Amino acid sequence: MQPAQFESAVENIYRRDSRFDPQAYLFLKESLDFTLKRAAETNSGRARHVSGVELLGGFRDLALQEFGPMASTLMEDWGLSQTRHVGEMVFHLIEEQMFGKQDSDKLEDFEHVFDFHEAFEVPYIPKSRLASKTH
């Protein structure tokens, strides 16, 4: 897929639905590449389809790796506050024929997979503050 083609698809999506920042779509593409590479490493180097849950895991892990404590702020700036939002972006990209889909893939695969606060904020809360909240 050509970068210009992907950017054009994102522009089309944004004209229809401006809830999510175009940068979020670019990061989602990077997350898919990251997740596919990780899946190939566990599949004798062969590419395979990844599930919504696997993609979300890659999205979370790459966000933490790339953005660290700023991941939560970026997600909020991009209009993302739950895993379903990532799924909605995936299905927008499927409609634009930028991402592939299997018949078994559905938007519901992306619902309530993890909590954004738990994923992007809690890892950076000092342990002493976490301990005081449990008492």
N, C-alpha and C. Protein backbone atom coordinates (compact mmCIF):
# COMPACT_ATOMS: atom_id res chain seq x y z
N MET A 1 0.85 -1.17 0.00
CA MET A 1 0.00 0.00 0.00
C MET A 1 0.90 1.24 0.00
N GLN A 2 0.58 2.15 -0.89
CA GLN A 2 1.33 3.39 -1.03
C GLN A 2 0.92 4.37 0.07
N PRO A 3 1.89 5.11 0.63
CA PRO A 3 1.55 6.09 1.67
C PRO A 3 0.50 7.11 1.20
N ALA A 4 0.62 7.57 -0.03
CA ALA A 4 -0.35 8.56 -0.54
C ALA A 4 -1.74 7.95 -0.61
N GLN A 5 -1.83 6.68 -0.98
CA GLN A 5 -3.11 5.99 -1.05
C GLN A 5 -3.74 5.89 0.34
N PHE A 6 -2.92 5.56 1.34
CA PHE A 6 -3.41 5.45 2.70
C PHE A 6 -3.88 6.82 3.20
N GLU A 7 -3.08 7.85 2.96
CA GLU A 7 -3.45 9.20 3.39
C GLU A 7 -4.75 9.66 2.73
N SER A 8 -4.93 9.32 1.47
CA SER A 8 -6.17 9.66 0.76
C SER A 8 -7.36 8.95 1.40
N ALA A 9 -7.17 7.69 1.76
CA ALA A 9 -8.24 6.92 2.41
C ALA A 9 -8.60 7.57 3.74
N VAL A 10 -7.59 7.99 4.50
CA VAL A 10 -7.84 8.63 5.80
C VAL A 10 -8.58 9.94 5.60
N GLU A 11 -8.23 10.69 4.58
CA GLU A 11 -8.95 11.93 4.28
C GLU A 11 -10.42 11.64 3.98
N ASN A 12 -10.68 10.61 3.20
CA ASN A 12 -12.06 10.21 2.90
C ASN A 12 -12.83 9.87 4.17
N ILE A 13 -12.18 9.10 5.03
CA ILE A 13 -12.81 8.70 6.30
C ILE A 13 -13.10 9.95 7.13
N TYR A 14 -12.12 10.83 7.23
CA TYR A 14 -12.25 12.02 8.08
C TYR A 14 -13.38 12.93 7.60
N ARG A 15 -13.59 12.97 6.29
CA ARG A 15 -14.71 13.77 5.76
C ARG A 15 -16.05 13.19 6.21
N ARG A 16 -16.13 11.87 6.32
CA ARG A 16 -17.37 11.21 6.74
C ARG A 16 -17.54 11.20 8.26
N ASP A 17 -16.42 11.04 8.98
CA ASP A 17 -16.48 10.86 10.43
C ASP A 17 -15.22 11.48 11.02
N SER A 18 -15.35 12.64 11.62
CA SER A 18 -14.19 13.38 12.11
C SER A 18 -13.92 13.15 13.60
N ARG A 19 -14.48 12.11 14.18
CA ARG A 19 -14.26 11.86 15.61
C ARG A 19 -12.82 11.55 15.94
N PHE A 20 -12.11 10.89 15.04
CA PHE A 20 -10.75 10.44 15.34
C PHE A 20 -9.74 11.19 14.47
N ASP A 21 -8.70 11.69 15.11
CA ASP A 21 -7.66 12.45 14.44
C ASP A 21 -6.99 11.58 13.36
N PRO A 22 -6.66 12.18 12.21
CA PRO A 22 -5.96 11.40 11.17
C PRO A 22 -4.68 10.74 11.67
N GLN A 23 -3.99 11.36 12.62
CA GLN A 23 -2.78 10.75 13.18
C GLN A 23 -3.08 9.41 13.85
N ALA A 24 -4.27 9.26 14.39
CA ALA A 24 -4.65 8.00 15.03
C ALA A 24 -4.68 6.87 13.99
N TYR A 25 -5.14 7.18 12.78
CA TYR A 25 -5.17 6.17 11.72
C TYR A 25 -3.76 5.78 11.30
N LEU A 26 -2.86 6.76 11.24
CA LEU A 26 -1.48 6.45 10.89
C LEU A 26 -0.84 5.57 11.96
N PHE A 27 -1.14 5.88 13.22
CA PHE A 27 -0.61 5.04 14.30
C PHE A 27 -1.23 3.65 14.26
N LEU A 28 -2.50 3.56 13.92
CA LEU A 28 -3.16 2.26 13.81
C LEU A 28 -2.49 1.42 12.73
N LYS A 29 -2.11 2.03 11.61
CA LYS A 29 -1.40 1.31 10.55
C LYS A 29 -0.06 0.80 11.08
N GLU A 30 0.67 1.66 11.81
CA GLU A 30 1.94 1.23 12.41
C GLU A 30 1.70 0.08 13.39
N SER A 31 0.60 0.16 14.14
CA SER A 31 0.27 -0.89 15.10
C SER A 31 -0.02 -2.21 14.41
N LEU A 32 -0.71 -2.14 13.27
CA LEU A 32 -0.97 -3.37 12.52
C LEU A 32 0.34 -3.97 12.04
N ASP A 33 1.23 -3.16 11.49
CA ASP A 33 2.53 -3.66 11.04
C ASP A 33 3.30 -4.30 12.20
N PHE A 34 3.29 -3.64 13.34
CA PHE A 34 3.96 -4.13 14.55
C PHE A 34 3.37 -5.47 14.97
N THR A 35 2.05 -5.56 14.96
CA THR A 35 1.35 -6.78 15.39
C THR A 35 1.58 -7.92 14.40
N LEU A 36 1.55 -7.62 13.10
CA LEU A 36 1.80 -8.64 12.09
C LEU A 36 3.22 -9.19 12.21
N LYS A 37 4.17 -8.30 12.45
CA LYS A 37 5.56 -8.74 12.62
C LYS A 37 5.68 -9.65 13.84
N ARG A 38 5.05 -9.26 14.92
CA ARG A 38 5.09 -10.06 16.15
C ARG A 38 4.42 -11.42 15.91
N ALA A 39 3.30 -11.43 15.20
CA ALA A 39 2.60 -12.69 14.91
C ALA A 39 3.45 -13.60 14.03
N ALA A 40 4.16 -13.02 13.06
CA ALA A 40 5.01 -13.82 12.18
C ALA A 40 6.15 -14.46 12.95
N GLU A 41 6.66 -13.75 13.95
CA GLU A 41 7.75 -14.30 14.76
C GLU A 41 7.31 -15.54 15.53
N THR A 42 6.04 -15.62 15.88
CA THR A 42 5.54 -16.80 16.61
C THR A 42 4.93 -17.83 15.66
N ASN A 43 5.01 -17.56 14.35
CA ASN A 43 4.40 -18.45 13.35
C ASN A 43 5.46 -18.87 12.32
N SER A 44 6.65 -19.18 12.79
CA SER A 44 7.76 -19.61 11.94
C SER A 44 8.05 -18.61 10.82
N GLY A 45 7.86 -17.34 11.10
CA GLY A 45 8.17 -16.30 10.12
C GLY A 45 7.12 -16.07 9.06
N ARG A 46 6.02 -16.82 9.13
CA ARG A 46 4.96 -16.67 8.11
C ARG A 46 3.91 -15.68 8.57
N ALA A 47 3.48 -14.84 7.64
CA ALA A 47 2.43 -13.87 7.93
C ALA A 47 1.11 -14.61 8.12
N ARG A 48 0.25 -14.03 8.94
CA ARG A 48 -1.08 -14.58 9.14
C ARG A 48 -2.01 -13.45 9.55
N HIS A 49 -3.28 -13.71 9.45
CA HIS A 49 -4.29 -12.74 9.89
C HIS A 49 -4.21 -12.60 11.40
N VAL A 50 -4.43 -11.38 11.91
CA VAL A 50 -4.46 -11.19 13.35
C VAL A 50 -5.89 -10.82 13.76
N SER A 51 -6.27 -11.24 14.94
CA SER A 51 -7.61 -10.96 15.46
C SER A 51 -7.68 -9.52 15.99
N GLY A 52 -8.88 -9.08 16.27
CA GLY A 52 -9.07 -7.77 16.88
C GLY A 52 -8.35 -7.67 18.21
N VAL A 53 -8.44 -8.71 19.01
CA VAL A 53 -7.78 -8.71 20.33
C VAL A 53 -6.26 -8.62 20.16
N GLU A 54 -5.71 -9.37 19.20
CA GLU A 54 -4.26 -9.30 18.95
C GLU A 54 -3.85 -7.90 18.48
N LEU A 55 -4.65 -7.32 17.58
CA LEU A 55 -4.34 -5.98 17.08
C LEU A 55 -4.38 -4.97 18.22
N LEU A 56 -5.38 -5.08 19.08
CA LEU A 56 -5.46 -4.17 20.22
C LEU A 56 -4.25 -4.33 21.16
N GLY A 57 -3.81 -5.56 21.35
CA GLY A 57 -2.61 -5.78 22.16
C GLY A 57 -1.39 -5.12 21.55
N GLY A 58 -1.25 -5.23 20.25
CA GLY A 58 -0.14 -4.57 19.56
C GLY A 58 -0.27 -3.05 19.62
N PHE A 59 -1.49 -2.55 19.47
CA PHE A 59 -1.76 -1.12 19.56
C PHE A 59 -1.33 -0.60 20.93
N ARG A 60 -1.76 -1.29 21.99
CA ARG A 60 -1.41 -0.90 23.36
C ARG A 60 0.10 -0.95 23.57
N ASP A 61 0.71 -2.07 23.20
CA ASP A 61 2.14 -2.24 23.45
C ASP A 61 2.97 -1.22 22.67
N LEU A 62 2.62 -0.96 21.43
CA LEU A 62 3.37 0.01 20.64
C LEU A 62 3.18 1.42 21.19
N ALA A 63 1.97 1.75 21.62
CA ALA A 63 1.72 3.07 22.21
C ALA A 63 2.58 3.27 23.45
N LEU A 64 2.64 2.26 24.30
CA LEU A 64 3.46 2.37 25.51
C LEU A 64 4.94 2.46 25.16
N GLN A 65 5.36 1.70 24.18
CA GLN A 65 6.76 1.70 23.76
C GLN A 65 7.14 3.04 23.13
N GLU A 66 6.29 3.56 22.27
CA GLU A 66 6.60 4.78 21.53
C GLU A 66 6.35 6.06 22.32
N PHE A 67 5.30 6.08 23.14
CA PHE A 67 4.87 7.33 23.76
C PHE A 67 4.98 7.34 25.28
N GLY A 68 5.19 6.19 25.88
CA GLY A 68 5.35 6.11 27.33
C GLY A 68 4.22 6.80 28.07
N PRO A 69 4.56 7.65 29.05
CA PRO A 69 3.53 8.29 29.86
C PRO A 69 2.64 9.26 29.07
N MET A 70 3.05 9.62 27.85
CA MET A 70 2.23 10.53 27.03
C MET A 70 1.16 9.77 26.24
N ALA A 71 1.18 8.45 26.28
CA ALA A 71 0.23 7.66 25.50
C ALA A 71 -1.22 8.02 25.82
N SER A 72 -1.52 8.15 27.09
CA SER A 72 -2.89 8.48 27.50
C SER A 72 -3.33 9.83 26.94
N THR A 73 -2.45 10.81 27.03
CA THR A 73 -2.76 12.15 26.52
C THR A 73 -2.97 12.12 25.01
N LEU A 74 -2.12 11.40 24.31
CA LEU A 74 -2.27 11.28 22.85
C LEU A 74 -3.59 10.61 22.48
N MET A 75 -3.91 9.53 23.17
CA MET A 75 -5.17 8.84 22.87
C MET A 75 -6.34 9.80 23.02
N GLU A 76 -6.33 10.56 24.10
CA GLU A 76 -7.40 11.53 24.34
C GLU A 76 -7.42 12.60 23.25
N ASP A 77 -6.25 13.12 22.88
CA ASP A 77 -6.17 14.13 21.81
C ASP A 77 -6.67 13.58 20.48
N TRP A 78 -6.44 12.30 20.25
CA TRP A 78 -6.86 11.67 19.00
C TRP A 78 -8.34 11.27 19.00
N GLY A 79 -9.02 11.43 20.15
CA GLY A 79 -10.43 11.08 20.23
C GLY A 79 -10.69 9.64 20.64
N LEU A 80 -9.67 8.97 21.15
CA LEU A 80 -9.80 7.56 21.53
C LEU A 80 -9.89 7.42 23.03
N SER A 81 -10.92 6.74 23.51
CA SER A 81 -11.05 6.52 24.95
C SER A 81 -11.45 5.10 25.30
N GLN A 82 -11.62 4.26 24.28
CA GLN A 82 -11.99 2.86 24.53
C GLN A 82 -11.58 2.01 23.34
N THR A 83 -11.47 0.72 23.57
CA THR A 83 -11.00 -0.18 22.52
C THR A 83 -11.96 -0.22 21.33
N ARG A 84 -13.23 -0.01 21.56
CA ARG A 84 -14.19 -0.01 20.44
C ARG A 84 -13.84 1.09 19.43
N HIS A 85 -13.31 2.21 19.91
CA HIS A 85 -12.93 3.28 18.99
C HIS A 85 -11.86 2.80 18.01
N VAL A 86 -10.92 2.01 18.49
CA VAL A 86 -9.90 1.44 17.61
C VAL A 86 -10.58 0.53 16.59
N GLY A 87 -11.53 -0.27 17.04
CA GLY A 87 -12.27 -1.13 16.12
C GLY A 87 -13.03 -0.34 15.07
N GLU A 88 -13.62 0.77 15.46
CA GLU A 88 -14.34 1.61 14.50
C GLU A 88 -13.37 2.14 13.44
N MET A 89 -12.17 2.51 13.87
CA MET A 89 -11.17 2.96 12.90
C MET A 89 -10.77 1.82 11.97
N VAL A 90 -10.60 0.63 12.53
CA VAL A 90 -10.26 -0.55 11.70
C VAL A 90 -11.32 -0.75 10.63
N PHE A 91 -12.58 -0.69 11.02
CA PHE A 91 -13.64 -0.93 10.05
C PHE A 91 -13.78 0.22 9.05
N HIS A 92 -13.42 1.43 9.44
CA HIS A 92 -13.36 2.52 8.46
C HIS A 92 -12.29 2.20 7.41
N LEU A 93 -11.15 1.71 7.85
CA LEU A 93 -10.07 1.37 6.92
C LEU A 93 -10.42 0.16 6.06
N ILE A 94 -11.20 -0.75 6.59
CA ILE A 94 -11.68 -1.88 5.79
C ILE A 94 -12.60 -1.38 4.68
N GLU A 95 -13.50 -0.45 5.03
CA GLU A 95 -14.41 0.13 4.03
C GLU A 95 -13.63 0.80 2.90
N GLU A 96 -12.49 1.38 3.23
CA GLU A 96 -11.64 2.05 2.25
C GLU A 96 -10.68 1.07 1.56
N GLN A 97 -10.80 -0.20 1.89
CA GLN A 97 -9.97 -1.27 1.33
C GLN A 97 -8.48 -1.10 1.64
N MET A 98 -8.21 -0.52 2.81
CA MET A 98 -6.83 -0.38 3.27
C MET A 98 -6.44 -1.54 4.17
N PHE A 99 -7.39 -2.11 4.88
CA PHE A 99 -7.18 -3.27 5.73
C PHE A 99 -8.04 -4.40 5.18
N GLY A 100 -7.55 -5.63 5.36
CA GLY A 100 -8.33 -6.79 4.97
C GLY A 100 -9.21 -7.26 6.11
N LYS A 101 -10.14 -8.12 5.76
CA LYS A 101 -11.10 -8.63 6.75
C LYS A 101 -11.46 -10.06 6.42
N GLN A 102 -11.62 -10.87 7.45
CA GLN A 102 -12.17 -12.20 7.28
C GLN A 102 -13.64 -12.14 7.65
N ASP A 103 -14.42 -13.10 7.15
CA ASP A 103 -15.86 -13.12 7.44
C ASP A 103 -16.15 -13.15 8.93
N SER A 104 -15.26 -13.74 9.70
CA SER A 104 -15.49 -13.86 11.14
C SER A 104 -15.17 -12.58 11.91
N ASP A 105 -14.51 -11.62 11.28
CA ASP A 105 -14.15 -10.38 11.96
C ASP A 105 -15.38 -9.49 12.13
N LYS A 106 -15.53 -8.95 13.33
CA LYS A 106 -16.66 -8.04 13.57
C LYS A 106 -16.26 -6.96 14.56
N LEU A 107 -16.99 -5.86 14.53
CA LEU A 107 -16.70 -4.73 15.40
C LEU A 107 -16.74 -5.13 16.87
N GLU A 108 -17.63 -6.04 17.21
CA GLU A 108 -17.77 -6.47 18.60
C GLU A 108 -16.48 -7.10 19.15
N ASP A 109 -15.60 -7.58 18.26
CA ASP A 109 -14.32 -8.15 18.69
C ASP A 109 -13.47 -7.12 19.43
N PHE A 110 -13.78 -5.84 19.23
CA PHE A 110 -12.98 -4.76 19.80
C PHE A 110 -13.59 -4.15 21.06
N GLU A 111 -14.72 -4.66 21.49
CA GLU A 111 -15.41 -4.07 22.63
C GLU A 111 -14.85 -4.57 23.96
N HIS A 112 -14.57 -3.63 24.85
CA HIS A 112 -14.19 -3.91 26.24
C HIS A 112 -13.01 -4.88 26.37
N VAL A 113 -12.02 -4.75 25.49
CA VAL A 113 -10.86 -5.65 25.55
C VAL A 113 -9.93 -5.24 26.69
N PHE A 114 -9.72 -3.95 26.85
CA PHE A 114 -8.99 -3.44 28.01
C PHE A 114 -9.46 -2.02 28.28
N ASP A 115 -9.16 -1.56 29.47
CA ASP A 115 -9.53 -0.21 29.90
C ASP A 115 -8.37 0.73 29.57
N PHE A 116 -8.65 1.82 28.89
CA PHE A 116 -7.60 2.75 28.50
C PHE A 116 -6.86 3.32 29.71
N HIS A 117 -7.58 3.63 30.78
CA HIS A 117 -6.92 4.15 31.98
C HIS A 117 -5.94 3.12 32.53
N GLU A 118 -6.40 1.88 32.66
CA GLU A 118 -5.53 0.81 33.18
C GLU A 118 -4.32 0.59 32.26
N ALA A 119 -4.53 0.67 30.96
CA ALA A 119 -3.46 0.37 30.01
C ALA A 119 -2.45 1.50 29.89
N PHE A 120 -2.93 2.75 29.85
CA PHE A 120 -2.05 3.85 29.49
C PHE A 120 -1.66 4.78 30.64
N GLU A 121 -2.37 4.71 31.76
CA GLU A 121 -2.04 5.59 32.88
C GLU A 121 -1.46 4.83 34.07
N VAL A 122 -2.09 3.74 34.46
CA VAL A 122 -1.67 3.00 35.65
C VAL A 122 -0.20 2.60 35.62
N PRO A 123 0.36 2.18 34.48
CA PRO A 123 1.78 1.80 34.50
C PRO A 123 2.72 2.93 34.93
N TYR A 124 2.25 4.16 34.89
CA TYR A 124 3.11 5.31 35.20
C TYR A 124 2.76 5.97 36.53
N ILE A 125 1.81 5.41 37.26
CA ILE A 125 1.49 5.92 38.59
C ILE A 125 2.51 5.33 39.56
N PRO A 126 3.18 6.17 40.34
CA PRO A 126 4.16 5.63 41.30
C PRO A 126 3.54 4.58 42.21
N LYS A 127 4.28 3.52 42.46
CA LYS A 127 3.76 2.41 43.28
C LYS A 127 3.29 2.88 44.64
N SER A 128 3.93 3.89 45.20
CA SER A 128 3.50 4.39 46.51
C SER A 128 2.10 4.99 46.43
N ARG A 129 1.75 5.65 45.34
CA ARG A 129 0.40 6.19 45.19
C ARG A 129 -0.61 5.09 44.97
N LEU A 130 -0.21 4.04 44.22
CA LEU A 130 -1.13 2.91 44.02
C LEU A 130 -1.40 2.20 45.34
N ALA A 131 -0.37 2.01 46.15
CA ALA A 131 -0.52 1.32 47.43
C ALA A 131 -1.43 2.10 48.37
N SER A 132 -1.31 3.42 48.36
CA SER A 132 -2.15 4.23 49.25
C SER A 132 -3.62 4.21 48.84
N LYS A 133 -3.90 3.95 47.57
CA LYS A 133 -5.29 3.89 47.11
C LYS A 133 -5.96 2.59 47.49
N THR A 134 -5.17 1.56 47.79
CA THR A 134 -5.76 0.28 48.16
C THR A 134 -6.03 0.17 49.65
N HIS A 135 -5.57 1.13 50.43
CA HIS A 135 -5.80 1.07 51.88
C HIS A 135 -6.92 1.96 52.29
